[in-house]
């Protein structure tokens, strides 16, 4: 899947989640190199998102498509961007 829309990555997580912090730290440089933002959504602020994602966080999406959960999957991210891994 190639995202040409320029939409930001959306990272669903929790403020206290170390895996969420790790994924965000790994993702931000990739997103910046490809001109994408990273929108952070704390699922604990929305009961529907909390019910949907609960213990699956972090979950990374682009254009509404889930790319990975728990750990960053660089292959999925670069594939979604239509780019080659460095």
Protein backbone atom coordinates (compact mmCIF):
# COMPACT_ATOMS: atom_id res chain seq x y z
CA UNK A 1 0.00 0.00 0.00
CA UNK A 2 1.48 3.34 -0.97
CA UNK A 3 0.25 6.49 0.72
CA UNK A 4 0.58 9.50 -1.53
CA UNK A 5 -1.78 11.70 0.45
CA UNK A 6 0.81 13.25 2.76
CA UNK A 7 -1.36 12.31 5.73
CA UNK A 8 0.38 12.04 9.09
CA UNK A 9 1.07 8.78 10.82
CA UNK A 10 -1.37 8.23 13.68
CA UNK A 11 0.07 6.56 16.76
CA UNK A 12 -2.42 5.26 19.31
CA UNK A 13 -0.98 4.71 22.76
CA UNK A 14 -0.94 5.59 26.42
CA UNK A 15 1.04 8.29 28.20
CA UNK A 16 2.60 5.80 30.62
CA UNK A 17 3.48 3.14 28.01
CA UNK A 18 7.21 2.63 27.42
CA UNK A 19 6.56 0.69 24.19
CA UNK A 20 4.57 3.68 22.94
CA UNK A 21 7.46 6.02 23.74
CA UNK A 22 9.89 3.66 21.99
CA UNK A 23 7.78 3.43 18.82
CA UNK A 24 7.31 7.18 18.69
CA UNK A 25 11.06 7.78 19.07
CA UNK A 26 11.85 5.33 16.25
CA UNK A 27 9.09 6.64 13.99
CA UNK A 28 9.67 10.40 14.23
CA UNK A 29 12.95 10.48 12.24
CA UNK A 30 11.46 8.29 9.49
CA UNK A 31 8.35 10.46 9.32
CA UNK A 32 10.43 13.65 9.20
CA UNK A 33 12.61 12.32 6.35
CA UNK A 34 9.46 11.66 4.33
CA UNK A 35 7.67 14.91 5.16
CA UNK A 36 5.07 13.28 7.40
CA UNK A 37 3.89 14.27 10.81
CA UNK A 38 3.12 11.98 13.71
CA UNK A 39 -0.23 12.49 15.41
CA UNK A 40 -0.22 11.09 18.96
CA UNK A 41 -3.57 9.91 20.36
CA UNK A 42 -3.81 8.87 24.01
CA UNK A 43 -6.45 6.15 24.05
CA UNK A 44 -7.14 6.73 27.74
CA UNK A 45 -8.82 10.03 26.79
CA UNK A 46 -11.49 8.31 24.67
CA UNK A 47 -13.52 5.35 25.99
CA UNK A 48 -14.18 4.05 22.46
CA UNK A 49 -10.48 4.03 21.56
CA UNK A 50 -9.61 2.50 24.92
CA UNK A 51 -12.10 -0.30 24.26
CA UNK A 52 -10.80 -0.78 20.71
CA UNK A 53 -7.06 -0.82 21.41
CA UNK A 54 -6.74 -1.46 25.18
CA UNK A 55 -3.64 -3.65 25.65
CA UNK A 56 -2.68 -3.69 21.94
CA UNK A 57 -0.91 -0.32 22.12
CA UNK A 58 1.05 1.12 20.58
CA UNK A 59 -0.76 0.83 17.26
CA UNK A 60 0.54 2.74 14.24
CA UNK A 61 -1.70 3.67 11.32
CA UNK A 62 -1.36 5.60 8.08
CA UNK A 63 -4.42 6.62 6.08
CA UNK A 64 -6.54 4.45 8.40
CA UNK A 65 -4.53 1.28 7.73
CA UNK A 66 -2.85 -0.45 10.68
CA UNK A 67 0.85 -0.88 9.98
CA UNK A 68 2.09 -2.38 13.22
CA UNK A 69 1.49 -2.80 16.92
CA UNK A 70 3.73 -3.18 20.00
CA UNK A 71 6.96 -2.56 18.04
CA UNK A 72 7.76 -0.50 14.96
CA UNK A 73 7.86 -2.59 11.79
CA UNK A 74 10.15 -0.55 9.50
CA UNK A 75 9.31 -2.70 6.47
CA UNK A 76 5.60 -1.99 6.85
CA UNK A 77 6.27 1.73 7.36
CA UNK A 78 8.51 2.06 4.31
CA UNK A 79 6.13 -0.04 2.20
CA UNK A 80 3.25 2.26 3.16
CA UNK A 81 5.37 5.24 2.17
CA UNK A 82 6.36 3.62 -1.12
CA UNK A 83 9.99 4.02 -0.12
CA UNK A 84 12.96 1.72 0.27
CA UNK A 85 14.49 1.11 3.66
CA UNK A 86 17.80 2.90 4.13
